[in-house]
Amino acid sequence: MRALVIAAAATLALTAQASAQSAPSTSPAAAASAQPSAELRVQTQARLEKAAAEVDGAVGYCIIDLTSGERFERTAGQVFPTASTIKLAILYELMARADEGTLSLDDTIKLDRARAVPEGILWELGTPVLSLRDYANVMVIESDNTATNVLIARLGMEAITARMAKAGLPATRLRRYMIDIEAAKRGLENVSTPSELARLLEMFHKGTGLTPARQEEALRILKKPKSSPIRSAVPSAIAVASKTGALEGVRADTAIVYAKNRPFVFVAMTTFLQDEGAGDAAIEEMARAAYNYFSRLGAGSELGRLLYR
C-alpha cells in the first residue's frame, strides 16, 4: 500500500512539473518573444475603456490602424444617431456622382429659401448662387445645415442611403433633412454605427469607389481646419480629415488622423448623454489615448526606441 501511495505521489509531481514547463506564461521563450508594444496596447485599451465607462450615457468607438488593420472597438456595431457626421455619406455620394458624370462639382444652384434652416452662414445670405463644390465646402467646414439640405435635395435621400448599402454600410441611413424636428420625433433619425463610419473613412482614405481626383477633393475638404474634440486632442502639426456632430444628448466625432508613419481612423459616438460636455471631454480623452498609442508605434523601433519622432 505504501508503495502505491509513493508511486501515485511521484506521478502527480511529474505531471505538475510537465504542466508548469509547458505553460506559456512561465516559458522563458514565450516571454522573450513578446513585444513591448503588446503591453502598450493593453494600456491603451484600458485608457479607452476608462474614458468611455466614466460617461453617463452610451458610448461606442471604432479605431483602426490604417497600416496593420489592428482595431480597438467598443459596441462598434451598435446603431447611434449620427448628428452631422452623416454629412460624410453626403460628401461621398457627391464625389461618386461627379465621377459618374451625372453632375459636375461646378454646377450651380440658387439657394431655395425653403431649404434654409436657422443658424449657419447661408441662413444669413438670402439667395446666393453657389457651385456644388462650394455647398460641399460649407457643409463640411462650417457644418452648415442649409448647405446640407441643398445637397440632399440635389442628390436624393434614397440615393445616398442606397449607395451606402451597396458599399456594405447598411446601417448608415439618411432619413431626414437637417433640423427637421418633426421627422426626428417620428423616429426618422439619421443613423450609423462606429464601425460603419470608420469603414466610410477608410473608403475616403483608400479612394474606394472614387477616382484619385475626387478622392483628393474630398480629403482636401475634410482636412480643412475645424474645431472638434479630436482636433483638440491631436498636435496642431498633425493633419486631421474630420467631421464632428452634435445634437441634444448626442456627440460624435470622426477622423482620419495622419500620425507620422501610422495613420489611423478614429470614430466615437455617444447618445443618452446626461452631460453633453462630458461626452465631448470623453471623446477628446479617447482620441488623445489613440494618438499617443499610434504616434509611438510610428516613431518607435520594434522594441520601442523612439528613433523617428
C-alpha atoms as a PDB file:
ATOM      1  CA  MET A   1       0.000   0.000   0.000  1.00  0.00           C
ATOM      2  CA  ARG A   2       2.816   2.381   0.959  1.00  0.00           C
ATOM      3  CA  ALA A   3       4.494   1.682  -2.396  1.00  0.00           C
ATOM      4  CA  LEU A   4       1.270   2.581  -4.245  1.00  0.00           C
ATOM      5  CA  VAL A   5       0.968   5.898  -2.389  1.00  0.00           C
ATOM      6  CA  ILE A   6       4.604   6.774  -3.157  1.00  0.00           C
ATOM      7  CA  ALA A   7       4.134   5.879  -6.820  1.00  0.00           C
ATOM      8  CA  ALA A   8       0.968   7.971  -7.083  1.00  0.00           C
ATOM      9  CA  ALA A   9       2.670  10.955  -5.469  1.00  0.00           C
ATOM     10  CA  ALA A  10       5.596  10.646  -7.825  1.00  0.00           C
ATOM     11  CA  THR A  11       3.227  10.550 -10.823  1.00  0.00           C
ATOM     12  CA  LEU A  12       1.401  13.705  -9.644  1.00  0.00           C
ATOM     13  CA  ALA A  13       4.683  15.525  -9.128  1.00  0.00           C
ATOM     14  CA  LEU A  14       5.892  14.646 -12.615  1.00  0.00           C
ATOM     15  CA  THR A  15       2.558  15.743 -14.140  1.00  0.00           C
ATOM     16  CA  ALA A  16       2.662  19.090 -12.315  1.00  0.00           C
ATOM     17  CA  GLN A  17       6.258  19.651 -13.423  1.00  0.00           C
ATOM     18  CA  ALA A  18       5.386  18.899 -17.045  1.00  0.00           C
ATOM     19  CA  SER A  19       2.375  21.251 -16.929  1.00  0.00           C
ATOM     20  CA  ALA A  20       4.448  24.052 -15.452  1.00  0.00           C
ATOM     21  CA  GLN A  21       7.094  23.625 -18.115  1.00  0.00           C
ATOM     22  CA  SER A  22       4.525  23.718 -20.925  1.00  0.00           C
ATOM     23  CA  ALA A  23       2.536  26.723 -19.635  1.00  0.00           C
ATOM     24  CA  PRO A  24       3.092  29.777 -21.931  1.00  0.00           C
ATOM     25  CA  SER A  25       3.035  32.217 -19.028  1.00  0.00           C
ATOM     26  CA  THR A  26       6.128  30.665 -17.483  1.00  0.00           C
ATOM     27  CA  SER A  27       8.001  29.826 -20.653  1.00  0.00           C
ATOM     28  CA  PRO A  28      11.197  31.890 -20.989  1.00  0.00           C
ATOM     29  CA  ALA A  29      10.997  31.545 -24.772  1.00  0.00           C
ATOM     30  CA  ALA A  30       7.436  32.891 -24.847  1.00  0.00           C
ATOM     31  CA  ALA A  31       8.360  35.761 -22.548  1.00  0.00           C
ATOM     32  CA  ALA A  32      11.358  36.648 -24.691  1.00  0.00           C
ATOM     33  CA  SER A  33       9.289  36.656 -27.911  1.00  0.00           C
ATOM     34  CA  ALA A  34       6.571  39.003 -26.558  1.00  0.00           C
ATOM     35  CA  GLN A  35       6.869  42.525 -27.960  1.00  0.00           C
ATOM     36  CA  PRO A  36       6.744  45.600 -25.684  1.00  0.00           C
ATOM     37  CA  SER A  37       4.079  47.035 -27.981  1.00  0.00           C
ATOM     38  CA  ALA A  38       1.672  44.401 -26.635  1.00  0.00           C
ATOM     39  CA  GLU A  39       1.858  45.999 -23.199  1.00  0.00           C
ATOM     40  CA  LEU A  40       1.340  49.436 -24.759  1.00  0.00           C
ATOM     41  CA  ARG A  41      -1.787  48.136 -26.467  1.00  0.00           C
ATOM     42  CA  VAL A  42      -3.148  46.761 -23.180  1.00  0.00           C
ATOM     43  CA  GLN A  43      -2.562  50.123 -21.506  1.00  0.00           C
ATOM     44  CA  THR A  44      -4.239  51.983 -24.382  1.00  0.00           C
ATOM     45  CA  GLN A  45      -7.274  49.708 -24.319  1.00  0.00           C
ATOM     46  CA  ALA A  46      -7.603  50.338 -20.584  1.00  0.00           C
ATOM     47  CA  ARG A  47      -7.416  54.116 -21.095  1.00  0.00           C
ATOM     48  CA  LEU A  48     -10.068  53.992 -23.814  1.00  0.00           C
ATOM     49  CA  GLU A  49     -12.378  51.889 -21.690  1.00  0.00           C
ATOM     50  CA  LYS A  50     -11.899  54.103 -18.627  1.00  0.00           C
ATOM     51  CA  ALA A  51     -12.802  57.228 -20.585  1.00  0.00           C
ATOM     52  CA  ALA A  52     -15.879  55.550 -22.071  1.00  0.00           C
ATOM     53  CA  ALA A  53     -17.040  53.958 -18.822  1.00  0.00           C
ATOM     54  CA  GLU A  54     -16.978  57.257 -16.949  1.00  0.00           C
ATOM     55  CA  VAL A  55     -19.560  58.798 -19.304  1.00  0.00           C
ATOM     56  CA  ASP A  56     -23.147  58.907 -18.030  1.00  0.00           C
ATOM     57  CA  GLY A  57     -24.622  57.683 -21.306  1.00  0.00           C
ATOM     58  CA  ALA A  58     -23.983  55.209 -24.123  1.00  0.00           C
ATOM     59  CA  VAL A  59     -20.570  55.219 -25.831  1.00  0.00           C
ATOM     60  CA  GLY A  60     -19.195  53.315 -28.798  1.00  0.00           C
ATOM     61  CA  TYR A  61     -15.972  53.619 -30.717  1.00  0.00           C
ATOM     62  CA  CYS A  62     -14.035  52.070 -33.563  1.00  0.00           C
ATOM     63  CA  ILE A  63     -10.352  52.877 -34.072  1.00  0.00           C
ATOM     64  CA  ILE A  64      -8.462  51.335 -36.991  1.00  0.00           C
ATOM     65  CA  ASP A  65      -4.727  51.238 -37.682  1.00  0.00           C
ATOM     66  CA  LEU A  66      -4.518  52.019 -41.411  1.00  0.00           C
ATOM     67  CA  THR A  67      -1.136  50.264 -41.584  1.00  0.00           C
ATOM     68  CA  SER A  68      -1.900  46.906 -39.946  1.00  0.00           C
ATOM     69  CA  GLY A  69      -5.699  46.827 -39.715  1.00  0.00           C
ATOM     70  CA  GLU A  70      -5.484  46.494 -35.925  1.00  0.00           C
ATOM     71  CA  ARG A  71      -8.633  47.679 -34.145  1.00  0.00           C
ATOM     72  CA  PHE A  72      -9.845  48.978 -30.825  1.00  0.00           C
ATOM     73  CA  GLU A  73     -13.625  48.631 -30.513  1.00  0.00           C
ATOM     74  CA  ARG A  74     -16.462  49.128 -28.063  1.00  0.00           C
ATOM     75  CA  THR A  75     -20.074  48.468 -29.122  1.00  0.00           C
ATOM     76  CA  ALA A  76     -18.850  49.241 -32.639  1.00  0.00           C
ATOM     77  CA  GLY A  77     -21.857  47.587 -34.266  1.00  0.00           C
ATOM     78  CA  GLN A  78     -24.430  49.493 -32.212  1.00  0.00           C
ATOM     79  CA  VAL A  79     -26.632  51.986 -34.079  1.00  0.00           C
ATOM     80  CA  PHE A  80     -26.270  55.574 -32.866  1.00  0.00           C
ATOM     81  CA  PRO A  81     -27.651  58.915 -34.039  1.00  0.00           C
ATOM     82  CA  THR A  82     -25.039  60.428 -36.341  1.00  0.00           C
ATOM     83  CA  ALA A  83     -25.775  64.120 -35.920  1.00  0.00           C
ATOM     84  CA  SER A  84     -23.665  65.927 -38.540  1.00  0.00           C
ATOM     85  CA  THR A  85     -21.308  63.003 -39.151  1.00  0.00           C
ATOM     86  CA  ILE A  86     -23.940  61.772 -41.659  1.00  0.00           C
ATOM     87  CA  LYS A  87     -22.519  64.512 -43.898  1.00  0.00           C
ATOM     88  CA  LEU A  88     -19.673  62.104 -44.696  1.00  0.00           C
ATOM     89  CA  ALA A  89     -22.177  59.964 -46.612  1.00  0.00           C
ATOM     90  CA  ILE A  90     -23.486  63.025 -48.468  1.00  0.00           C
ATOM     91  CA  LEU A  91     -19.954  64.093 -49.407  1.00  0.00           C
ATOM     92  CA  TYR A  92     -19.151  60.592 -50.649  1.00  0.00           C
ATOM     93  CA  GLU A  93     -22.317  60.480 -52.784  1.00  0.00           C
ATOM     94  CA  LEU A  94     -21.498  63.873 -54.300  1.00  0.00           C
ATOM     95  CA  MET A  95     -17.977  62.803 -55.280  1.00  0.00           C
ATOM     96  CA  ALA A  96     -19.175  59.458 -56.660  1.00  0.00           C
ATOM     97  CA  ARG A  97     -21.828  61.181 -58.787  1.00  0.00           C
ATOM     98  CA  ALA A  98     -19.231  63.612 -60.107  1.00  0.00           C
ATOM     99  CA  ASP A  99     -17.103  60.610 -61.121  1.00  0.00           C
ATOM    100  CA  GLU A 100     -20.098  59.008 -62.839  1.00  0.00           C
ATOM    101  CA  GLY A 101     -20.719  62.173 -64.827  1.00  0.00           C
ATOM    102  CA  THR A 102     -24.295  62.723 -63.656  1.00  0.00           C
ATOM    103  CA  LEU A 103     -23.280  66.094 -62.258  1.00  0.00           C
ATOM    104  CA  SER A 104     -20.327  68.468 -62.154  1.00  0.00           C
ATOM    105  CA  LEU A 105     -18.950  69.980 -58.983  1.00  0.00           C
ATOM    106  CA  ASP A 106     -19.046  73.276 -60.870  1.00  0.00           C
ATOM    107  CA  ASP A 107     -22.831  73.064 -61.392  1.00  0.00           C
ATOM    108  CA  THR A 108     -24.540  75.976 -59.638  1.00  0.00           C
ATOM    109  CA  ILE A 109     -27.727  76.122 -57.608  1.00  0.00           C
ATOM    110  CA  LYS A 110     -29.551  79.208 -56.424  1.00  0.00           C
ATOM    111  CA  LEU A 111     -30.417  78.784 -52.763  1.00  0.00           C
ATOM    112  CA  ASP A 112     -34.097  78.000 -52.292  1.00  0.00           C
ATOM    113  CA  ARG A 113     -35.074  79.645 -49.016  1.00  0.00           C
ATOM    114  CA  ALA A 114     -37.450  76.730 -48.390  1.00  0.00           C
ATOM    115  CA  ARG A 115     -34.315  74.649 -47.727  1.00  0.00           C
ATOM    116  CA  ALA A 116     -32.811  77.208 -45.346  1.00  0.00           C
ATOM    117  CA  VAL A 117     -32.717  76.463 -41.621  1.00  0.00           C
ATOM    118  CA  PRO A 118     -31.674  78.744 -38.746  1.00  0.00           C
ATOM    119  CA  GLU A 119     -28.016  79.221 -37.895  1.00  0.00           C
ATOM    120  CA  GLY A 120     -25.129  78.895 -40.305  1.00  0.00           C
ATOM    121  CA  ILE A 121     -23.758  81.343 -42.810  1.00  0.00           C
ATOM    122  CA  LEU A 122     -26.254  80.548 -45.599  1.00  0.00           C
ATOM    123  CA  TRP A 123     -29.192  81.377 -43.339  1.00  0.00           C
ATOM    124  CA  GLU A 124     -27.877  84.949 -43.383  1.00  0.00           C
ATOM    125  CA  LEU A 125     -27.187  85.299 -47.111  1.00  0.00           C
ATOM    126  CA  GLY A 126     -30.521  85.491 -48.875  1.00  0.00           C
ATOM    127  CA  THR A 127     -30.466  83.590 -52.185  1.00  0.00           C
ATOM    128  CA  PRO A 128     -26.831  83.186 -53.242  1.00  0.00           C
ATOM    129  CA  VAL A 129     -25.865  81.123 -56.281  1.00  0.00           C
ATOM    130  CA  LEU A 130     -23.156  78.617 -55.341  1.00  0.00           C
ATOM    131  CA  SER A 131     -21.492  75.664 -57.002  1.00  0.00           C
ATOM    132  CA  LEU A 132     -21.990  72.155 -55.647  1.00  0.00           C
ATOM    133  CA  ARG A 133     -18.332  72.283 -54.627  1.00  0.00           C
ATOM    134  CA  ASP A 134     -18.988  75.414 -52.585  1.00  0.00           C
ATOM    135  CA  TYR A 135     -22.029  73.874 -50.917  1.00  0.00           C
ATOM    136  CA  ALA A 136     -19.905  70.842 -50.005  1.00  0.00           C
ATOM    137  CA  ASN A 137     -17.199  73.030 -48.503  1.00  0.00           C
ATOM    138  CA  VAL A 138     -19.680  74.966 -46.387  1.00  0.00           C
ATOM    139  CA  MET A 139     -21.439  71.740 -45.357  1.00  0.00           C
ATOM    140  CA  VAL A 140     -18.237  70.184 -44.024  1.00  0.00           C
ATOM    141  CA  ILE A 141     -16.110  73.105 -42.857  1.00  0.00           C
ATOM    142  CA  GLU A 142     -18.898  75.146 -41.249  1.00  0.00           C
ATOM    143  CA  SER A 143     -21.284  72.187 -40.785  1.00  0.00           C
ATOM    144  CA  ASP A 144     -23.867  74.444 -42.404  1.00  0.00           C
ATOM    145  CA  ASN A 145     -27.231  72.672 -42.354  1.00  0.00           C
ATOM    146  CA  THR A 146     -28.753  74.786 -45.121  1.00  0.00           C
ATOM    147  CA  ALA A 147     -25.914  73.778 -47.465  1.00  0.00           C
ATOM    148  CA  THR A 148     -26.510  70.179 -46.423  1.00  0.00           C
ATOM    149  CA  ASN A 149     -30.218  70.381 -47.235  1.00  0.00           C
ATOM    150  CA  VAL A 150     -29.460  71.807 -50.677  1.00  0.00           C
ATOM    151  CA  LEU A 151     -27.172  68.854 -51.409  1.00  0.00           C
ATOM    152  CA  ILE A 152     -29.681  66.315 -50.077  1.00  0.00           C
ATOM    153  CA  ALA A 153     -32.343  67.770 -52.371  1.00  0.00           C
ATOM    154  CA  ARG A 154     -29.977  67.627 -55.367  1.00  0.00           C
ATOM    155  CA  LEU A 155     -28.648  64.121 -54.709  1.00  0.00           C
ATOM    156  CA  GLY A 156     -31.725  62.418 -53.270  1.00  0.00           C
ATOM    157  CA  MET A 157     -32.054  60.980 -49.795  1.00  0.00           C
ATOM    158  CA  GLU A 158     -32.791  57.464 -51.049  1.00  0.00           C
ATOM    159  CA  ALA A 159     -29.846  57.500 -53.454  1.00  0.00           C
ATOM    160  CA  ILE A 160     -27.416  58.422 -50.675  1.00  0.00           C
ATOM    161  CA  THR A 161     -28.679  55.633 -48.415  1.00  0.00           C
ATOM    162  CA  ALA A 162     -28.690  53.147 -51.301  1.00  0.00           C
ATOM    163  CA  ARG A 163     -25.050  53.852 -52.128  1.00  0.00           C
ATOM    164  CA  MET A 164     -24.084  53.294 -48.510  1.00  0.00           C
ATOM    165  CA  ALA A 165     -25.893  49.953 -48.512  1.00  0.00           C
ATOM    166  CA  LYS A 166     -24.229  48.941 -51.773  1.00  0.00           C
ATOM    167  CA  ALA A 167     -20.852  49.777 -50.212  1.00  0.00           C
ATOM    168  CA  GLY A 168     -21.582  47.375 -47.350  1.00  0.00           C
ATOM    169  CA  LEU A 169     -22.802  50.023 -44.909  1.00  0.00           C
ATOM    170  CA  PRO A 170     -26.497  49.131 -44.481  1.00  0.00           C
ATOM    171  CA  ALA A 171     -26.869  50.747 -41.055  1.00  0.00           C
ATOM    172  CA  THR A 172     -25.762  54.148 -42.409  1.00  0.00           C
ATOM    173  CA  ARG A 173     -29.084  55.738 -43.275  1.00  0.00           C
ATOM    174  CA  LEU A 174     -30.021  59.302 -44.173  1.00  0.00           C
ATOM    175  CA  ARG A 175     -33.694  59.566 -43.247  1.00  0.00           C
ATOM    176  CA  ARG A 176     -34.426  63.259 -42.798  1.00  0.00           C
ATOM    177  CA  TYR A 177     -33.280  66.753 -43.706  1.00  0.00           C
ATOM    178  CA  MET A 178     -31.185  68.703 -41.228  1.00  0.00           C
ATOM    179  CA  ILE A 179     -33.092  70.328 -38.347  1.00  0.00           C
ATOM    180  CA  ASP A 180     -36.338  68.543 -39.240  1.00  0.00           C
ATOM    181  CA  ILE A 181     -37.549  68.137 -35.669  1.00  0.00           C
ATOM    182  CA  GLU A 182     -40.942  66.706 -36.667  1.00  0.00           C
ATOM    183  CA  ALA A 183     -39.293  63.938 -38.690  1.00  0.00           C
ATOM    184  CA  ALA A 184     -36.992  63.183 -35.768  1.00  0.00           C
ATOM    185  CA  LYS A 185     -39.998  62.926 -33.437  1.00  0.00           C
ATOM    186  CA  ARG A 186     -41.477  60.372 -35.851  1.00  0.00           C
ATOM    187  CA  GLY A 187     -38.337  58.269 -35.386  1.00  0.00           C
ATOM    188  CA  LEU A 188     -36.686  59.288 -38.654  1.00  0.00           C
ATOM    189  CA  GLU A 189     -33.233  59.840 -37.223  1.00  0.00           C
ATOM    190  CA  ASN A 190     -30.063  59.780 -39.323  1.00  0.00           C
ATOM    191  CA  VAL A 191     -28.082  56.809 -38.050  1.00  0.00           C
ATOM    192  CA  SER A 192     -24.941  54.713 -38.417  1.00  0.00           C
ATOM    193  CA  THR A 193     -22.562  52.654 -36.300  1.00  0.00           C
ATOM    194  CA  PRO A 194     -18.991  53.357 -35.201  1.00  0.00           C
ATOM    195  CA  SER A 195     -17.706  50.522 -37.385  1.00  0.00           C
ATOM    196  CA  GLU A 196     -19.566  51.717 -40.493  1.00  0.00           C
ATOM    197  CA  LEU A 197     -18.431  55.322 -40.171  1.00  0.00           C
ATOM    198  CA  ALA A 198     -14.898  54.033 -39.666  1.00  0.00           C
ATOM    199  CA  ARG A 199     -15.246  51.965 -42.832  1.00  0.00           C
ATOM    200  CA  LEU A 200     -16.542  55.029 -44.715  1.00  0.00           C
ATOM    201  CA  LEU A 201     -13.466  56.992 -43.641  1.00  0.00           C
ATOM    202  CA  GLU A 202     -11.306  54.080 -44.805  1.00  0.00           C
ATOM    203  CA  MET A 203     -13.036  54.375 -48.191  1.00  0.00           C
ATOM    204  CA  PHE A 204     -12.093  58.042 -48.413  1.00  0.00           C
ATOM    205  CA  HIS A 205      -8.526  57.210 -47.338  1.00  0.00           C
ATOM    206  CA  LYS A 206      -8.097  54.418 -49.885  1.00  0.00           C
ATOM    207  CA  GLY A 207     -10.163  56.044 -52.626  1.00  0.00           C
ATOM    208  CA  THR A 208     -12.566  53.106 -52.711  1.00  0.00           C
ATOM    209  CA  GLY A 209     -15.184  53.768 -55.380  1.00  0.00           C
ATOM    210  CA  LEU A 210     -13.687  57.157 -56.270  1.00  0.00           C
ATOM    211  CA  THR A 211     -11.223  58.373 -58.858  1.00  0.00           C
ATOM    212  CA  PRO A 212      -7.967  59.829 -57.494  1.00  0.00           C
ATOM    213  CA  ALA A 213      -9.176  63.328 -58.367  1.00  0.00           C
ATOM    214  CA  ARG A 214     -12.429  63.001 -56.416  1.00  0.00           C
ATOM    215  CA  GLN A 215     -10.680  61.273 -53.516  1.00  0.00           C
ATOM    216  CA  GLU A 216      -8.209  64.146 -53.323  1.00  0.00           C
ATOM    217  CA  GLU A 217     -11.031  66.710 -53.473  1.00  0.00           C
ATOM    218  CA  ALA A 218     -12.972  65.015 -50.672  1.00  0.00           C
ATOM    219  CA  LEU A 219      -9.930  64.737 -48.417  1.00  0.00           C
ATOM    220  CA  ARG A 220      -8.977  68.349 -49.113  1.00  0.00           C
ATOM    221  CA  ILE A 221     -12.391  69.425 -47.824  1.00  0.00           C
ATOM    222  CA  LEU A 222     -12.271  67.125 -44.801  1.00  0.00           C
ATOM    223  CA  LYS A 223      -8.781  68.335 -43.872  1.00  0.00           C
ATOM    224  CA  LYS A 224      -9.855  71.990 -43.614  1.00  0.00           C
ATOM    225  CA  PRO A 225      -9.352  73.236 -40.035  1.00  0.00           C
ATOM    226  CA  LYS A 226     -12.366  72.940 -37.783  1.00  0.00           C
ATOM    227  CA  SER A 227     -12.972  72.714 -34.063  1.00  0.00           C
ATOM    228  CA  SER A 228     -13.636  69.243 -32.654  1.00  0.00           C
ATOM    229  CA  PRO A 229     -12.666  67.000 -29.725  1.00  0.00           C
ATOM    230  CA  ILE A 230     -10.307  65.047 -31.990  1.00  0.00           C
ATOM    231  CA  ARG A 231      -8.642  68.214 -33.245  1.00  0.00           C
ATOM    232  CA  SER A 232      -8.128  69.338 -29.642  1.00  0.00           C
ATOM    233  CA  ALA A 233      -6.516  66.003 -28.737  1.00  0.00           C
ATOM    234  CA  VAL A 234      -4.006  65.890 -31.590  1.00  0.00           C
ATOM    235  CA  PRO A 235      -0.999  68.211 -32.030  1.00  0.00           C
ATOM    236  CA  SER A 236      -1.735  71.046 -34.449  1.00  0.00           C
ATOM    237  CA  ALA A 237       1.047  69.944 -36.809  1.00  0.00           C
ATOM    238  CA  ILE A 238      -0.712  66.629 -37.453  1.00  0.00           C
ATOM    239  CA  ALA A 239      -3.215  66.667 -40.327  1.00  0.00           C
ATOM    240  CA  VAL A 240      -6.734  65.525 -39.483  1.00  0.00           C
ATOM    241  CA  ALA A 241      -9.524  64.832 -42.015  1.00  0.00           C
ATOM    242  CA  SER A 242     -12.614  65.061 -39.860  1.00  0.00           C
ATOM    243  CA  LYS A 243     -16.319  65.635 -39.352  1.00  0.00           C
ATOM    244  CA  THR A 244     -17.920  66.115 -35.971  1.00  0.00           C
ATOM    245  CA  GLY A 245     -21.556  66.116 -34.919  1.00  0.00           C
ATOM    246  CA  ALA A 246     -23.784  67.294 -32.070  1.00  0.00           C
ATOM    247  CA  LEU A 247     -27.456  67.042 -31.137  1.00  0.00           C
ATOM    248  CA  GLU A 248     -29.396  67.142 -27.891  1.00  0.00           C
ATOM    249  CA  GLY A 249     -27.852  64.380 -25.765  1.00  0.00           C
ATOM    250  CA  VAL A 250     -25.645  63.262 -28.662  1.00  0.00           C
ATOM    251  CA  ARG A 251     -21.995  63.834 -29.509  1.00  0.00           C
ATOM    252  CA  ALA A 252     -19.968  62.169 -32.274  1.00  0.00           C
ATOM    253  CA  ASP A 253     -16.592  62.736 -33.854  1.00  0.00           C
ATOM    254  CA  THR A 254     -14.907  61.038 -36.795  1.00  0.00           C
ATOM    255  CA  ALA A 255     -11.495  61.479 -38.384  1.00  0.00           C
ATOM    256  CA  ILE A 256      -8.557  60.144 -40.298  1.00  0.00           C
ATOM    257  CA  VAL A 257      -5.594  61.167 -38.148  1.00  0.00           C
ATOM    258  CA  TYR A 258      -2.325  61.317 -40.076  1.00  0.00           C
ATOM    259  CA  ALA A 259       0.026  60.335 -37.262  1.00  0.00           C
ATOM    260  CA  LYS A 260       3.586  60.103 -38.607  1.00  0.00           C
ATOM    261  CA  ASN A 261       4.177  56.667 -40.170  1.00  0.00           C
ATOM    262  CA  ARG A 262       0.988  55.348 -38.548  1.00  0.00           C
ATOM    263  CA  PRO A 263      -2.247  56.990 -39.750  1.00  0.00           C
ATOM    264  CA  PHE A 264      -5.428  55.769 -38.136  1.00  0.00           C
ATOM    265  CA  VAL A 265      -9.192  56.171 -38.255  1.00  0.00           C
ATOM    266  CA  PHE A 266     -10.958  57.315 -35.112  1.00  0.00           C
ATOM    267  CA  VAL A 267     -14.737  57.220 -34.640  1.00  0.00           C
ATOM    268  CA  ALA A 268     -16.536  57.801 -31.351  1.00  0.00           C
ATOM    269  CA  MET A 269     -20.317  58.041 -30.981  1.00  0.00           C
ATOM    270  CA  THR A 270     -22.328  58.834 -27.850  1.00  0.00           C
ATOM    271  CA  THR A 271     -26.019  59.169 -27.003  1.00  0.00           C
ATOM    272  CA  PHE A 272     -28.329  59.472 -23.988  1.00  0.00           C
ATOM    273  CA  LEU A 273     -25.765  61.880 -22.529  1.00  0.00           C
ATOM    274  CA  GLN A 274     -26.614  63.342 -19.150  1.00  0.00           C
ATOM    275  CA  ASP A 275     -23.873  65.942 -19.716  1.00  0.00           C
ATOM    276  CA  GLU A 276     -23.003  66.766 -23.322  1.00  0.00           C
ATOM    277  CA  GLY A 277     -19.781  68.492 -22.280  1.00  0.00           C
ATOM    278  CA  ALA A 278     -18.699  65.294 -20.566  1.00  0.00           C
ATOM    279  CA  GLY A 279     -19.349  63.454 -23.833  1.00  0.00           C
ATOM    280  CA  ASP A 280     -17.069  65.840 -25.708  1.00  0.00           C
ATOM    281  CA  ALA A 281     -14.423  65.533 -22.988  1.00  0.00           C
ATOM    282  CA  ALA A 282     -14.535  61.728 -23.145  1.00  0.00           C
ATOM    283  CA  ILE A 283     -14.153  61.726 -26.928  1.00  0.00           C
ATOM    284  CA  GLU A 284     -11.192  64.070 -26.616  1.00  0.00           C
ATOM    285  CA  GLU A 285      -9.585  61.816 -23.997  1.00  0.00           C
ATOM    286  CA  MET A 286     -10.106  58.710 -26.128  1.00  0.00           C
ATOM    287  CA  ALA A 287      -8.681  60.472 -29.185  1.00  0.00           C
ATOM    288  CA  ARG A 288      -5.646  61.523 -27.146  1.00  0.00           C
ATOM    289  CA  ALA A 289      -5.103  57.947 -25.953  1.00  0.00           C
ATOM    290  CA  ALA A 290      -5.343  56.670 -29.526  1.00  0.00           C
ATOM    291  CA  TYR A 291      -2.943  59.300 -30.857  1.00  0.00           C
ATOM    292  CA  ASN A 292      -0.414  58.629 -28.092  1.00  0.00           C
ATOM    293  CA  TYR A 293      -0.506  54.945 -28.988  1.00  0.00           C
ATOM    294  CA  PHE A 294      -0.193  55.214 -32.763  1.00  0.00           C
ATOM    295  CA  SER A 295       2.300  58.072 -32.722  1.00  0.00           C
ATOM    296  CA  ARG A 296       4.661  55.929 -30.623  1.00  0.00           C
ATOM    297  CA  LEU A 297       4.202  52.941 -32.919  1.00  0.00           C
ATOM    298  CA  GLY A 298       5.083  55.190 -35.842  1.00  0.00           C
ATOM    299  CA  ALA A 299       8.074  56.739 -34.086  1.00  0.00           C
ATOM    300  CA  GLY A 300       9.433  53.615 -32.439  1.00  0.00           C
ATOM    301  CA  SER A 301      11.601  50.683 -33.384  1.00  0.00           C
ATOM    302  CA  GLU A 302      10.265  47.170 -32.846  1.00  0.00           C
ATOM    303  CA  LEU A 303      11.437  47.381 -29.251  1.00  0.00           C
ATOM    304  CA  GLY A 304      10.100  50.875 -28.671  1.00  0.00           C
ATOM    305  CA  ARG A 305      13.102  53.146 -29.050  1.00  0.00           C
ATOM    306  CA  LEU A 306      11.564  56.365 -30.397  1.00  0.00           C
ATOM    307  CA  LEU A 307      14.028  56.916 -33.218  1.00  0.00           C
ATOM    308  CA  TYR A 308      11.705  58.550 -35.743  1.00  0.00           C
ATOM    309  CA  ARG A 309       9.939  61.338 -33.849  1.00  0.00           C
END
